[in-house]
Full PDB file with SEQRES, HELIX, SHEET, SSBOND, CRYST1, ORIGX, SCALE, CONECT and MASTER records, all heavy atoms in Angstrom:
SEQRES   1 A   33  GLN MET GLN PRO ALA GLY LEU VAL ARG ILE SER MET PRO          
SEQRES   2 A   33  THR PRO TYR GLY HIS TYR ARG VAL LEU PRO LEU LEU ALA          
SEQRES   3 A   33  LYS PHE ARG GLN LEU TYR PRO                                  
HELIX    1 AA1 THR A   14  TYR A   16  1                                   3    
HELIX    2 AA2 GLY A   17  VAL A   21  3                                   5    
HELIX    3 AA3 LEU A   22  LEU A   24  5                                   3    
HELIX    4 AA4 LEU A   25  LEU A   31  1                                   7    
CRYST1    1.000    1.000    1.000  90.00  90.00  90.00 P 1           1          
ORIGX1      1.000000  0.000000  0.000000        0.00000                         
ORIGX2      0.000000  1.000000  0.000000        0.00000                         
ORIGX3      0.000000  0.000000  1.000000        0.00000                         
SCALE1      1.000000  0.000000  0.000000        0.00000                         
SCALE2      0.000000  1.000000  0.000000        0.00000                         
SCALE3      0.000000  0.000000  1.000000        0.00000                         
ATOM      1  N   GLN A   1       0.822  -1.196   0.000  1.00  0.00           N  
ATOM      2  CA  GLN A   1       0.000   0.000   0.000  1.00  0.00           C  
ATOM      3  C   GLN A   1       0.865   1.258   0.000  1.00  0.00           C  
ATOM      4  O   GLN A   1       0.937   2.007   0.950  1.00  0.00           O  
ATOM      5  CB  GLN A   1      -0.949   0.030   1.207  1.00  0.00           C  
ATOM      6  CG  GLN A   1      -1.969   1.143   1.062  1.00  0.00           C  
ATOM      7  CD  GLN A   1      -3.179   0.905   1.908  1.00  0.00           C  
ATOM      8  OE1 GLN A   1      -3.419  -0.166   2.397  1.00  0.00           O  
ATOM      9  NE2 GLN A   1      -3.960   1.948   2.092  1.00  0.00           N  
ATOM     10  N   MET A   2       1.517   1.474  -1.101  1.00  0.00           N  
ATOM     11  CA  MET A   2       2.263   2.704  -1.256  1.00  0.00           C  
ATOM     12  C   MET A   2       1.304   3.860  -1.525  1.00  0.00           C  
ATOM     13  O   MET A   2       1.606   5.011  -1.248  1.00  0.00           O  
ATOM     14  CB  MET A   2       3.256   2.561  -2.420  1.00  0.00           C  
ATOM     15  CG  MET A   2       4.286   1.455  -2.215  1.00  0.00           C  
ATOM     16  SD  MET A   2       5.266   1.713  -0.731  1.00  0.00           S  
ATOM     17  CE  MET A   2       6.177   3.176  -1.225  1.00  0.00           C  
ATOM     18  N   GLN A   3       0.120   3.539  -2.063  1.00  0.00           N  
ATOM     19  CA  GLN A   3      -0.892   4.545  -2.342  1.00  0.00           C  
ATOM     20  C   GLN A   3      -2.095   4.274  -1.453  1.00  0.00           C  
ATOM     21  O   GLN A   3      -2.580   3.143  -1.397  1.00  0.00           O  
ATOM     22  CB  GLN A   3      -1.300   4.508  -3.812  1.00  0.00           C  
ATOM     23  CG  GLN A   3      -2.234   5.642  -4.208  1.00  0.00           C  
ATOM     24  CD  GLN A   3      -2.490   5.658  -5.704  1.00  0.00           C  
ATOM     25  OE1 GLN A   3      -2.018   4.790  -6.421  1.00  0.00           O  
ATOM     26  NE2 GLN A   3      -3.240   6.634  -6.163  1.00  0.00           N  
ATOM     27  N   PRO A   4      -2.598   5.280  -0.739  1.00  0.00           N  
ATOM     28  CA  PRO A   4      -3.740   5.065   0.154  1.00  0.00           C  
ATOM     29  C   PRO A   4      -4.951   4.548  -0.615  1.00  0.00           C  
ATOM     30  O   PRO A   4      -5.243   5.004  -1.721  1.00  0.00           O  
ATOM     31  CB  PRO A   4      -4.011   6.460   0.726  1.00  0.00           C  
ATOM     32  CG  PRO A   4      -2.738   7.205   0.542  1.00  0.00           C  
ATOM     33  CD  PRO A   4      -2.116   6.667  -0.704  1.00  0.00           C  
ATOM     34  N   ALA A   5      -5.655   3.593  -0.020  1.00  0.00           N  
ATOM     35  CA  ALA A   5      -6.830   3.016  -0.662  1.00  0.00           C  
ATOM     36  C   ALA A   5      -7.773   2.499   0.419  1.00  0.00           C  
ATOM     37  O   ALA A   5      -7.367   2.195   1.536  1.00  0.00           O  
ATOM     38  CB  ALA A   5      -6.430   1.886  -1.609  1.00  0.00           C  
ATOM     39  N   GLY A   6      -9.065   2.409   0.057  1.00  0.00           N  
ATOM     40  CA  GLY A   6     -10.056   1.871   0.973  1.00  0.00           C  
ATOM     41  C   GLY A   6     -11.056   2.928   1.405  1.00  0.00           C  
ATOM     42  O   GLY A   6     -11.083   4.052   0.904  1.00  0.00           O  
ATOM     43  N   LEU A   7     -11.899   2.541   2.360  1.00  0.00           N  
ATOM     44  CA  LEU A   7     -13.031   3.363   2.798  1.00  0.00           C  
ATOM     45  C   LEU A   7     -12.722   4.104   4.095  1.00  0.00           C  
ATOM     46  O   LEU A   7     -12.177   3.515   5.034  1.00  0.00           O  
ATOM     47  CB  LEU A   7     -14.261   2.479   3.000  1.00  0.00           C  
ATOM     48  CG  LEU A   7     -15.548   3.177   3.462  1.00  0.00           C  
ATOM     49  CD1 LEU A   7     -16.070   4.120   2.391  1.00  0.00           C  
ATOM     50  CD2 LEU A   7     -16.600   2.151   3.848  1.00  0.00           C  
ATOM     51  N   VAL A   8     -13.075   5.384   4.145  1.00  0.00           N  
ATOM     52  CA  VAL A   8     -13.016   6.185   5.384  1.00  0.00           C  
ATOM     53  C   VAL A   8     -14.428   6.646   5.706  1.00  0.00           C  
ATOM     54  O   VAL A   8     -15.083   7.286   4.879  1.00  0.00           O  
ATOM     55  CB  VAL A   8     -12.092   7.414   5.222  1.00  0.00           C  
ATOM     56  CG1 VAL A   8     -12.114   8.250   6.506  1.00  0.00           C  
ATOM     57  CG2 VAL A   8     -10.677   6.984   4.897  1.00  0.00           C  
ATOM     58  N   ARG A   9     -14.902   6.324   6.906  1.00  0.00           N  
ATOM     59  CA  ARG A   9     -16.238   6.747   7.353  1.00  0.00           C  
ATOM     60  C   ARG A   9     -16.080   7.893   8.346  1.00  0.00           C  
ATOM     61  O   ARG A   9     -15.328   7.781   9.329  1.00  0.00           O  
ATOM     62  CB  ARG A   9     -17.017   5.605   8.006  1.00  0.00           C  
ATOM     63  CG  ARG A   9     -17.297   4.433   7.096  1.00  0.00           C  
ATOM     64  CD  ARG A   9     -18.335   3.502   7.718  1.00  0.00           C  
ATOM     65  NE  ARG A   9     -19.648   4.137   7.757  1.00  0.00           N  
ATOM     66  CZ  ARG A   9     -20.462   4.123   8.815  1.00  0.00           C  
ATOM     67  NH1 ARG A   9     -20.080   3.554   9.944  1.00  0.00           N  
ATOM     68  NH2 ARG A   9     -21.645   4.710   8.757  1.00  0.00           N  
ATOM     69  N   ILE A  10     -16.789   8.998   8.097  1.00  0.00           N  
ATOM     70  CA  ILE A  10     -16.644  10.179   8.936  1.00  0.00           C  
ATOM     71  C   ILE A  10     -18.010  10.809   9.187  1.00  0.00           C  
ATOM     72  O   ILE A  10     -18.841  10.906   8.281  1.00  0.00           O  
ATOM     73  CB  ILE A  10     -15.679  11.203   8.295  1.00  0.00           C  
ATOM     74  CG1 ILE A  10     -15.571  12.461   9.143  1.00  0.00           C  
ATOM     75  CG2 ILE A  10     -16.080  11.538   6.861  1.00  0.00           C  
ATOM     76  CD1 ILE A  10     -14.465  13.397   8.715  1.00  0.00           C  
ATOM     77  N   SER A  11     -18.235  11.232  10.424  1.00  0.00           N  
ATOM     78  CA  SER A  11     -19.457  11.937  10.809  1.00  0.00           C  
ATOM     79  C   SER A  11     -19.098  13.378  11.149  1.00  0.00           C  
ATOM     80  O   SER A  11     -18.061  13.633  11.768  1.00  0.00           O  
ATOM     81  CB  SER A  11     -20.105  11.260  12.023  1.00  0.00           C  
ATOM     82  OG  SER A  11     -21.211  12.013  12.495  1.00  0.00           O  
ATOM     83  N   MET A  12     -19.963  14.318  10.726  1.00  0.00           N  
ATOM     84  CA  MET A  12     -19.677  15.735  10.966  1.00  0.00           C  
ATOM     85  C   MET A  12     -20.970  16.512  11.123  1.00  0.00           C  
ATOM     86  O   MET A  12     -22.022  16.089  10.612  1.00  0.00           O  
ATOM     87  CB  MET A  12     -18.852  16.309   9.816  1.00  0.00           C  
ATOM     88  CG  MET A  12     -19.572  16.372   8.492  1.00  0.00           C  
ATOM     89  SD  MET A  12     -18.470  16.707   7.083  1.00  0.00           S  
ATOM     90  CE  MET A  12     -17.750  15.074   6.828  1.00  0.00           C  
ATOM     91  N   PRO A  13     -20.948  17.660  11.805  1.00  0.00           N  
ATOM     92  CA  PRO A  13     -22.145  18.487  11.905  1.00  0.00           C  
ATOM     93  C   PRO A  13     -22.597  18.969  10.529  1.00  0.00           C  
ATOM     94  O   PRO A  13     -21.771  19.246   9.650  1.00  0.00           O  
ATOM     95  CB  PRO A  13     -21.694  19.665  12.784  1.00  0.00           C  
ATOM     96  CG  PRO A  13     -20.483  19.178  13.501  1.00  0.00           C  
ATOM     97  CD  PRO A  13     -19.818  18.209  12.567  1.00  0.00           C  
ATOM     98  N   THR A  14     -23.900  19.080  10.341  1.00  0.00           N  
ATOM     99  CA  THR A  14     -24.450  19.443   9.041  1.00  0.00           C  
ATOM    100  C   THR A  14     -23.873  20.746   8.482  1.00  0.00           C  
ATOM    101  O   THR A  14     -23.373  20.772   7.354  1.00  0.00           O  
ATOM    102  CB  THR A  14     -25.982  19.538   9.116  1.00  0.00           C  
ATOM    103  OG1 THR A  14     -26.495  18.278   9.574  1.00  0.00           O  
ATOM    104  CG2 THR A  14     -26.581  19.849   7.762  1.00  0.00           C  
ATOM    105  N   PRO A  15     -23.920  21.859   9.220  1.00  0.00           N  
ATOM    106  CA  PRO A  15     -23.416  23.103   8.624  1.00  0.00           C  
ATOM    107  C   PRO A  15     -21.921  23.075   8.374  1.00  0.00           C  
ATOM    108  O   PRO A  15     -21.456  23.589   7.341  1.00  0.00           O  
ATOM    109  CB  PRO A  15     -23.792  24.176   9.658  1.00  0.00           C  
ATOM    110  CG  PRO A  15     -23.982  23.439  10.925  1.00  0.00           C  
ATOM    111  CD  PRO A  15     -24.495  22.093  10.554  1.00  0.00           C  
ATOM    112  N   TYR A  16     -21.156  22.489   9.284  1.00  0.00           N  
ATOM    113  CA  TYR A  16     -19.713  22.447   9.080  1.00  0.00           C  
ATOM    114  C   TYR A  16     -19.385  21.607   7.852  1.00  0.00           C  
ATOM    115  O   TYR A  16     -18.470  21.933   7.089  1.00  0.00           O  
ATOM    116  CB  TYR A  16     -19.004  21.888  10.307  1.00  0.00           C  
ATOM    117  CG  TYR A  16     -17.521  22.191  10.318  1.00  0.00           C  
ATOM    118  CD1 TYR A  16     -17.059  23.445  10.693  1.00  0.00           C  
ATOM    119  CD2 TYR A  16     -16.588  21.235   9.933  1.00  0.00           C  
ATOM    120  CE1 TYR A  16     -15.703  23.737  10.675  1.00  0.00           C  
ATOM    121  CE2 TYR A  16     -15.232  21.516   9.923  1.00  0.00           C  
ATOM    122  CZ  TYR A  16     -14.795  22.777  10.294  1.00  0.00           C  
ATOM    123  OH  TYR A  16     -13.451  23.059  10.264  1.00  0.00           O  
ATOM    124  N   GLY A  17     -20.131  20.518   7.670  1.00  0.00           N  
ATOM    125  CA  GLY A  17     -19.923  19.705   6.486  1.00  0.00           C  
ATOM    126  C   GLY A  17     -20.206  20.475   5.214  1.00  0.00           C  
ATOM    127  O   GLY A  17     -19.397  20.502   4.289  1.00  0.00           O  
ATOM    128  N   HIS A  18     -21.376  21.149   5.149  1.00  0.00           N  
ATOM    129  CA  HIS A  18     -21.770  21.862   3.934  1.00  0.00           C  
ATOM    130  C   HIS A  18     -20.817  23.019   3.607  1.00  0.00           C  
ATOM    131  O   HIS A  18     -20.460  23.219   2.446  1.00  0.00           O  
ATOM    132  CB  HIS A  18     -23.196  22.410   4.084  1.00  0.00           C  
ATOM    133  CG  HIS A  18     -24.251  21.387   3.822  1.00  0.00           C  
ATOM    134  ND1 HIS A  18     -24.553  20.937   2.568  1.00  0.00           N  
ATOM    135  CD2 HIS A  18     -25.070  20.710   4.668  1.00  0.00           C  
ATOM    136  CE1 HIS A  18     -25.517  20.035   2.633  1.00  0.00           C  
ATOM    137  NE2 HIS A  18     -25.851  19.871   3.888  1.00  0.00           N  
ATOM    138  N   TYR A  19     -20.452  23.785   4.629  1.00  0.00           N  
ATOM    139  CA  TYR A  19     -19.702  25.012   4.371  1.00  0.00           C  
ATOM    140  C   TYR A  19     -18.185  24.825   4.359  1.00  0.00           C  
ATOM    141  O   TYR A  19     -17.476  25.574   3.694  1.00  0.00           O  
ATOM    142  CB  TYR A  19     -20.049  26.074   5.417  1.00  0.00           C  
ATOM    143  CG  TYR A  19     -21.411  26.697   5.228  1.00  0.00           C  
ATOM    144  CD1 TYR A  19     -22.504  26.237   5.941  1.00  0.00           C  
ATOM    145  CD2 TYR A  19     -21.614  27.743   4.337  1.00  0.00           C  
ATOM    146  CE1 TYR A  19     -23.770  26.809   5.781  1.00  0.00           C  
ATOM    147  CE2 TYR A  19     -22.865  28.323   4.164  1.00  0.00           C  
ATOM    148  CZ  TYR A  19     -23.944  27.848   4.896  1.00  0.00           C  
ATOM    149  OH  TYR A  19     -25.173  28.403   4.723  1.00  0.00           O  
ATOM    150  N   ARG A  20     -17.672  23.823   5.087  1.00  0.00           N  
ATOM    151  CA  ARG A  20     -16.220  23.735   5.250  1.00  0.00           C  
ATOM    152  C   ARG A  20     -15.608  22.472   4.652  1.00  0.00           C  
ATOM    153  O   ARG A  20     -14.546  22.539   4.024  1.00  0.00           O  
ATOM    154  CB  ARG A  20     -15.849  23.805   6.746  1.00  0.00           C  
ATOM    155  CG  ARG A  20     -16.381  25.037   7.448  1.00  0.00           C  
ATOM    156  CD  ARG A  20     -15.912  26.298   6.780  1.00  0.00           C  
ATOM    157  NE  ARG A  20     -14.734  26.827   7.428  1.00  0.00           N  
ATOM    158  CZ  ARG A  20     -14.062  27.870   6.965  1.00  0.00           C  
ATOM    159  NH1 ARG A  20     -14.440  28.449   5.852  1.00  0.00           N  
ATOM    160  NH2 ARG A  20     -13.000  28.321   7.597  1.00  0.00           N  
ATOM    161  N   VAL A  21     -16.228  21.316   4.873  1.00  0.00           N  
ATOM    162  CA  VAL A  21     -15.576  20.065   4.484  1.00  0.00           C  
ATOM    163  C   VAL A  21     -15.930  19.642   3.060  1.00  0.00           C  
ATOM    164  O   VAL A  21     -15.046  19.349   2.250  1.00  0.00           O  
ATOM    165  CB  VAL A  21     -15.931  18.937   5.478  1.00  0.00           C  
ATOM    166  CG1 VAL A  21     -15.297  17.618   5.032  1.00  0.00           C  
ATOM    167  CG2 VAL A  21     -15.446  19.298   6.881  1.00  0.00           C  
ATOM    168  N   LEU A  22     -17.223  19.603   2.727  1.00  0.00           N  
ATOM    169  CA  LEU A  22     -17.624  19.106   1.410  1.00  0.00           C  
ATOM    170  C   LEU A  22     -16.973  19.866   0.251  1.00  0.00           C  
ATOM    171  O   LEU A  22     -16.593  19.238  -0.751  1.00  0.00           O  
ATOM    172  CB  LEU A  22     -19.147  19.138   1.269  1.00  0.00           C  
ATOM    173  CG  LEU A  22     -19.948  18.279   2.272  1.00  0.00           C  
ATOM    174  CD1 LEU A  22     -21.407  18.220   1.869  1.00  0.00           C  
ATOM    175  CD2 LEU A  22     -19.372  16.878   2.400  1.00  0.00           C  
ATOM    176  N   PRO A  23     -16.808  21.187   0.339  1.00  0.00           N  
ATOM    177  CA  PRO A  23     -16.149  21.880  -0.780  1.00  0.00           C  
ATOM    178  C   PRO A  23     -14.702  21.450  -1.024  1.00  0.00           C  
ATOM    179  O   PRO A  23     -14.149  21.721  -2.095  1.00  0.00           O  
ATOM    180  CB  PRO A  23     -16.206  23.363  -0.354  1.00  0.00           C  
ATOM    181  CG  PRO A  23     -17.376  23.446   0.565  1.00  0.00           C  
ATOM    182  CD  PRO A  23     -17.353  22.148   1.319  1.00  0.00           C  
ATOM    183  N   LEU A  24     -14.080  20.778  -0.053  1.00  0.00           N  
ATOM    184  CA  LEU A  24     -12.685  20.368  -0.185  1.00  0.00           C  
ATOM    185  C   LEU A  24     -12.512  18.976  -0.785  1.00  0.00           C  
ATOM    186  O   LEU A  24     -11.402  18.597  -1.180  1.00  0.00           O  
ATOM    187  CB  LEU A  24     -12.004  20.382   1.190  1.00  0.00           C  
ATOM    188  CG  LEU A  24     -12.000  21.698   1.959  1.00  0.00           C  
ATOM    189  CD1 LEU A  24     -11.430  21.471   3.356  1.00  0.00           C  
ATOM    190  CD2 LEU A  24     -11.195  22.747   1.211  1.00  0.00           C  
ATOM    191  N   LEU A  25     -13.599  18.202  -0.843  1.00  0.00           N  
ATOM    192  CA  LEU A  25     -13.437  16.772  -1.096  1.00  0.00           C  
ATOM    193  C   LEU A  25     -13.158  16.420  -2.554  1.00  0.00           C  
ATOM    194  O   LEU A  25     -12.591  15.367  -2.833  1.00  0.00           O  
ATOM    195  CB  LEU A  25     -14.666  16.019  -0.579  1.00  0.00           C  
ATOM    196  CG  LEU A  25     -14.862  16.157   0.939  1.00  0.00           C  
ATOM    197  CD1 LEU A  25     -15.971  15.242   1.420  1.00  0.00           C  
ATOM    198  CD2 LEU A  25     -13.568  15.881   1.710  1.00  0.00           C  
ATOM    199  N   ALA A  26     -13.542  17.274  -3.482  1.00  0.00           N  
ATOM    200  CA  ALA A  26     -13.149  17.020  -4.874  1.00  0.00           C  
ATOM    201  C   ALA A  26     -11.631  17.056  -5.007  1.00  0.00           C  
ATOM    202  O   ALA A  26     -11.026  16.224  -5.701  1.00  0.00           O  
ATOM    203  CB  ALA A  26     -13.800  18.053  -5.795  1.00  0.00           C  
ATOM    204  N   LYS A  27     -11.004  18.007  -4.323  1.00  0.00           N  
ATOM    205  CA  LYS A  27      -9.542  18.105  -4.341  1.00  0.00           C  
ATOM    206  C   LYS A  27      -8.912  16.874  -3.697  1.00  0.00           C  
ATOM    207  O   LYS A  27      -7.922  16.327  -4.206  1.00  0.00           O  
ATOM    208  CB  LYS A  27      -9.089  19.374  -3.615  1.00  0.00           C  
ATOM    209  CG  LYS A  27      -7.583  19.544  -3.555  1.00  0.00           C  
ATOM    210  CD  LYS A  27      -7.201  20.838  -2.848  1.00  0.00           C  
ATOM    211  CE  LYS A  27      -5.699  21.015  -2.762  1.00  0.00           C  
ATOM    212  NZ  LYS A  27      -5.320  22.278  -2.063  1.00  0.00           N  
ATOM    213  N   PHE A  28      -9.497  16.420  -2.567  1.00  0.00           N  
ATOM    214  CA  PHE A  28      -8.959  15.228  -1.904  1.00  0.00           C  
ATOM    215  C   PHE A  28      -9.029  14.021  -2.824  1.00  0.00           C  
ATOM    216  O   PHE A  28      -8.071  13.244  -2.922  1.00  0.00           O  
ATOM    217  CB  PHE A  28      -9.721  14.949  -0.612  1.00  0.00           C  
ATOM    218  CG  PHE A  28      -9.277  13.694   0.089  1.00  0.00           C  
ATOM    219  CD1 PHE A  28      -8.154  13.707   0.891  1.00  0.00           C  
ATOM    220  CD2 PHE A  28      -9.973  12.505  -0.078  1.00  0.00           C  
ATOM    221  CE1 PHE A  28      -7.714  12.541   1.520  1.00  0.00           C  
ATOM    222  CE2 PHE A  28      -9.551  11.343   0.543  1.00  0.00           C  
ATOM    223  CZ  PHE A  28      -8.421  11.357   1.348  1.00  0.00           C  
ATOM    224  N   ARG A  29     -10.150  13.855  -3.515  1.00  0.00           N  
ATOM    225  CA  ARG A  29     -10.304  12.698  -4.395  1.00  0.00           C  
ATOM    226  C   ARG A  29      -9.350  12.755  -5.587  1.00  0.00           C  
ATOM    227  O   ARG A  29      -8.927  11.725  -6.103  1.00  0.00           O  
ATOM    228  CB  ARG A  29     -11.748  12.614  -4.875  1.00  0.00           C  
ATOM    229  CG  ARG A  29     -12.734  12.198  -3.784  1.00  0.00           C  
ATOM    230  CD  ARG A  29     -12.777  10.706  -3.615  1.00  0.00           C  
ATOM    231  NE  ARG A  29     -13.354  10.086  -4.806  1.00  0.00           N  
ATOM    232  CZ  ARG A  29     -13.134   8.835  -5.193  1.00  0.00           C  
ATOM    233  NH1 ARG A  29     -12.328   8.063  -4.498  1.00  0.00           N  
ATOM    234  NH2 ARG A  29     -13.715   8.344  -6.278  1.00  0.00           N  
ATOM    235  N   GLN A  30      -9.007  13.955  -6.019  1.00  0.00           N  
ATOM    236  CA  GLN A  30      -8.009  14.073  -7.085  1.00  0.00           C  
ATOM    237  C   GLN A  30      -6.639  13.609  -6.593  1.00  0.00           C  
ATOM    238  O   GLN A  30      -5.883  12.975  -7.327  1.00  0.00           O  
ATOM    239  CB  GLN A  30      -7.928  15.510  -7.570  1.00  0.00           C  
ATOM    240  CG  GLN A  30      -9.147  15.957  -8.383  1.00  0.00           C  
ATOM    241  CD  GLN A  30      -9.065  17.420  -8.788  1.00  0.00           C  
ATOM    242  OE1 GLN A  30      -8.235  18.166  -8.276  1.00  0.00           O  
ATOM    243  NE2 GLN A  30      -9.924  17.825  -9.697  1.00  0.00           N  
ATOM    244  N   LEU A  31      -6.343  13.931  -5.338  1.00  0.00           N  
ATOM    245  CA  LEU A  31      -5.056  13.537  -4.764  1.00  0.00           C  
ATOM    246  C   LEU A  31      -5.008  12.051  -4.434  1.00  0.00           C  
ATOM    247  O   LEU A  31      -3.975  11.392  -4.588  1.00  0.00           O  
ATOM    248  CB  LEU A  31      -4.778  14.350  -3.496  1.00  0.00           C  
ATOM    249  CG  LEU A  31      -4.545  15.846  -3.667  1.00  0.00           C  
ATOM    250  CD1 LEU A  31      -4.501  16.537  -2.306  1.00  0.00           C  
ATOM    251  CD2 LEU A  31      -3.248  16.094  -4.432  1.00  0.00           C  
ATOM    252  N   TYR A  32      -6.143  11.505  -3.959  1.00  0.00           N  
ATOM    253  CA  TYR A  32      -6.194  10.109  -3.499  1.00  0.00           C  
ATOM    254  C   TYR A  32      -7.413   9.409  -4.112  1.00  0.00           C  
ATOM    255  O   TYR A  32      -8.404   9.150  -3.425  1.00  0.00           O  
ATOM    256  CB  TYR A  32      -6.256  10.060  -1.972  1.00  0.00           C  
ATOM    257  CG  TYR A  32      -5.134  10.803  -1.293  1.00  0.00           C  
ATOM    258  CD1 TYR A  32      -5.352  12.042  -0.695  1.00  0.00           C  
ATOM    259  CD2 TYR A  32      -3.848  10.269  -1.260  1.00  0.00           C  
ATOM    260  CE1 TYR A  32      -4.315  12.730  -0.072  1.00  0.00           C  
ATOM    261  CE2 TYR A  32      -2.807  10.946  -0.643  1.00  0.00           C  
ATOM    262  CZ  TYR A  32      -3.049  12.175  -0.048  1.00  0.00           C  
ATOM    263  OH  TYR A  32      -2.029  12.847   0.563  1.00  0.00           O  
ATOM    264  N   PRO A  33      -7.357   9.089  -5.383  1.00  0.00           N  
ATOM    265  CA  PRO A  33      -8.539   8.537  -6.072  1.00  0.00           C  
ATOM    266  C   PRO A  33      -8.967   7.161  -5.583  1.00  0.00           C  
ATOM    267  O   PRO A  33     -10.103   6.754  -5.835  1.00  0.00           O  
ATOM    268  CB  PRO A  33      -8.090   8.494  -7.541  1.00  0.00           C  
ATOM    269  CG  PRO A  33      -6.594   8.454  -7.486  1.00  0.00           C  
ATOM    270  CD  PRO A  33      -6.213   9.263  -6.292  1.00  0.00           C  
TER     271      PRO A  33                                                      
MASTER        0    0    0    4    0    0    0    6  270    1    0    3          
END                                                                             
């Protein structure tokens, strides 16, 4: 596993998810598909 793979399960508050975390996840998926 030189490259990260698999499932990450995360729980977060609704507003923090919508305004802070979700907008970042497209970038994360580009880095770690």
